[in-house]
Amino acid sequence: QGVLGIVRKTRIRGRLADGVPMREGEKMLHLIRHGQGFHNLLGDLYRDFGKTVDSTGGDKSGNPYVRPEIEDSPLTAVGRQQAKALRPTTRALTGIELVVLSPLQRAAQTAALAMPHLKDIVPWIGHPLVQETSGVNVCDRRRDQSEIQD
């Protein structure tokens, strides 16, 4: 059963947006990575000071991504600018029926800043199956829903 309670047979295949018209029943999927988060900035700072950063979680000593301060890391000012810079591109996309995003704060902020024109036009769904899944880094853990604002 799908996210919206719809059950239907689905076949997923990939192809480039090559201008060839889609066949009946086909859907176009656009993927956007989040802008710079504070965890990315912290990792860059560690590297700038010559520290090795193990983002896999294997080495917890010296791993900036396990610091409690960056749980569900938000976007930096640079990340917010990166997301806003996507607006002309996202406005040019046609046929968008649904926005599915990670419930992590940085993904939600990126989507809101990159696609404000879609906010009240199509449904938006935050779904945990599209968030970071390593599970070892604090920055990839979502805050409790009671702490999250609209």
Protein backbone atom coordinates (compact mmCIF):
# COMPACT_ATOMS: atom_id res chain seq x y z
CA GLN A 1 0.00 0.00 0.00
CA GLY A 2 1.36 3.41 -0.97
CA VAL A 3 1.90 6.56 1.05
CA LEU A 4 -1.51 7.92 0.05
CA GLY A 5 -3.28 4.61 0.67
CA ILE A 6 -3.28 3.80 -3.04
CA VAL A 7 -2.38 0.33 -4.21
CA ARG A 8 -1.22 -0.12 -7.78
CA LYS A 9 1.38 -2.05 -9.69
CA THR A 10 4.45 0.10 -10.28
CA ARG A 11 7.49 -0.38 -12.45
CA ILE A 12 10.35 2.04 -12.00
CA ARG A 13 12.84 2.69 -14.76
CA GLY A 14 15.15 5.58 -15.30
CA ARG A 15 15.94 7.72 -18.29
CA LEU A 16 17.25 11.19 -18.91
CA ALA A 17 14.94 14.13 -19.43
CA ASP A 18 15.70 13.93 -23.14
CA GLY A 19 12.67 15.71 -24.55
CA VAL A 20 10.99 12.47 -25.64
CA PRO A 21 7.34 12.58 -24.52
CA MET A 22 6.48 10.30 -21.64
CA ARG A 23 4.16 7.39 -22.24
CA GLU A 24 0.77 7.14 -20.59
CA GLY A 25 1.14 6.29 -16.91
CA GLU A 26 4.77 7.41 -16.71
CA LYS A 27 5.84 9.93 -14.08
CA MET A 28 8.91 12.14 -14.04
CA LEU A 29 10.92 12.13 -10.82
CA HIS A 30 13.08 15.15 -9.97
CA LEU A 31 15.64 14.78 -7.17
CA ILE A 32 17.15 17.69 -5.24
CA ARG A 33 19.86 17.34 -2.62
CA HIS A 34 19.65 19.59 0.43
CA GLY A 35 21.73 22.75 0.66
CA GLN A 36 24.69 23.09 3.00
CA GLY A 37 23.72 22.10 6.53
CA PHE A 38 25.56 23.02 9.71
CA HIS A 39 26.88 19.44 9.84
CA ASN A 40 28.46 19.94 6.37
CA LEU A 41 30.06 23.18 7.56
CA LEU A 42 31.38 21.49 10.69
CA GLY A 43 32.88 18.68 8.59
CA ASP A 44 34.53 21.26 6.32
CA LEU A 45 35.99 23.05 9.36
CA TYR A 46 37.41 19.78 10.71
CA ARG A 47 39.05 19.13 7.33
CA ASP A 48 40.39 22.71 7.19
CA PHE A 49 42.19 22.02 10.46
CA GLY A 50 43.71 18.83 9.03
CA LYS A 51 41.42 16.36 10.75
CA THR A 52 40.22 13.25 8.95
CA VAL A 53 36.43 13.01 8.86
CA ASP A 54 34.83 9.56 8.84
CA SER A 55 31.22 10.12 7.81
CA THR A 56 30.47 6.38 7.93
CA GLY A 57 30.40 6.44 11.72
CA GLY A 58 33.17 3.85 12.03
CA ASP A 59 35.48 6.19 13.91
CA LYS A 60 33.51 8.09 16.55
CA SER A 61 36.56 9.96 17.87
CA GLY A 62 36.97 13.12 15.86
CA ASN A 63 33.76 12.52 13.89
CA PRO A 64 31.94 15.88 13.78
CA TYR A 65 28.71 14.20 12.65
CA VAL A 66 28.12 12.55 16.03
CA ARG A 67 28.15 15.81 17.99
CA PRO A 68 24.80 16.30 19.78
CA GLU A 69 24.64 19.97 18.73
CA ILE A 70 23.95 19.02 15.12
CA GLU A 71 21.00 16.69 15.59
CA ASP A 72 18.67 17.21 12.62
CA SER A 73 21.01 19.89 11.35
CA PRO A 74 19.39 22.97 9.73
CA LEU A 75 20.68 24.82 6.68
CA THR A 76 23.42 27.42 6.98
CA ALA A 77 23.09 30.84 5.33
CA VAL A 78 24.97 29.36 2.37
CA GLY A 79 22.56 26.42 2.26
CA ARG A 80 19.56 28.76 2.27
CA GLN A 81 21.07 30.73 -0.62
CA GLN A 82 21.77 27.47 -2.51
CA ALA A 83 18.12 26.45 -2.09
CA LYS A 84 16.80 29.84 -3.20
CA ALA A 85 19.08 29.70 -6.24
CA LEU A 86 17.08 26.66 -7.41
CA ARG A 87 13.85 28.67 -7.78
CA PRO A 88 14.23 29.47 -11.50
CA THR A 89 14.90 25.78 -12.18
CA THR A 90 12.01 24.49 -10.09
CA ARG A 91 9.62 27.06 -11.57
CA ALA A 92 10.50 25.79 -15.05
CA LEU A 93 9.51 22.21 -14.15
CA THR A 94 6.07 21.23 -15.38
CA GLY A 95 3.55 18.61 -14.35
CA ILE A 96 4.57 18.39 -10.69
CA GLU A 97 1.85 16.52 -8.82
CA LEU A 98 3.50 15.79 -5.47
CA VAL A 99 6.52 16.86 -3.42
CA VAL A 100 8.02 14.06 -1.32
CA LEU A 101 10.82 15.02 1.01
CA SER A 102 12.86 13.76 3.89
CA PRO A 103 11.46 14.83 7.24
CA LEU A 104 14.93 16.07 8.21
CA GLN A 105 14.98 19.82 8.83
CA ARG A 106 17.59 20.57 6.14
CA ALA A 107 15.55 18.77 3.47
CA ALA A 108 12.31 20.48 4.47
CA GLN A 109 14.03 23.88 4.48
CA THR A 110 15.59 23.24 1.07
CA ALA A 111 12.25 22.22 -0.43
CA ALA A 112 10.40 25.18 1.08
CA LEU A 113 13.02 27.66 -0.15
CA ALA A 114 13.48 26.07 -3.59
CA MET A 115 9.79 25.54 -4.38
CA PRO A 116 7.67 28.12 -2.56
CA HIS A 117 5.41 28.38 -5.61
CA LEU A 118 4.24 24.79 -5.03
CA LYS A 119 3.38 25.14 -1.32
CA ASP A 120 -0.39 25.40 -1.66
CA ILE A 121 -0.61 23.92 -5.16
CA VAL A 122 0.38 20.25 -4.68
CA PRO A 123 0.53 17.93 -1.64
CA TRP A 124 3.80 17.82 0.31
CA ILE A 125 4.75 14.66 2.20
CA GLY A 126 7.66 14.25 4.60
CA HIS A 127 8.46 10.53 4.58
CA PRO A 128 11.19 8.76 6.59
CA LEU A 129 11.92 6.32 3.75
CA VAL A 130 13.59 9.13 1.78
CA GLN A 131 15.81 10.44 4.60
CA GLU A 132 19.45 9.61 5.36
CA THR A 133 19.60 6.02 6.52
CA SER A 134 23.07 5.51 7.94
CA GLY A 135 21.63 5.77 11.45
CA VAL A 136 25.05 6.29 13.04
CA ASN A 137 25.36 10.06 12.73
CA VAL A 138 23.48 12.43 15.00
CA CYS A 139 22.98 14.87 12.11
CA ASP A 140 20.87 12.21 10.34
CA ARG A 141 18.43 11.77 13.23
CA ARG A 142 15.17 13.64 13.01
CA ARG A 143 14.03 15.74 15.92
CA ASP A 144 10.81 14.72 17.60
CA GLN A 145 7.77 15.85 15.66
CA SER A 146 6.61 17.96 18.61
CA GLU A 147 9.74 20.12 18.15
CA ILE A 148 9.18 20.71 14.44
CA GLN A 149 7.37 23.84 13.27
CA ASP A 150 5.46 24.38 10.03
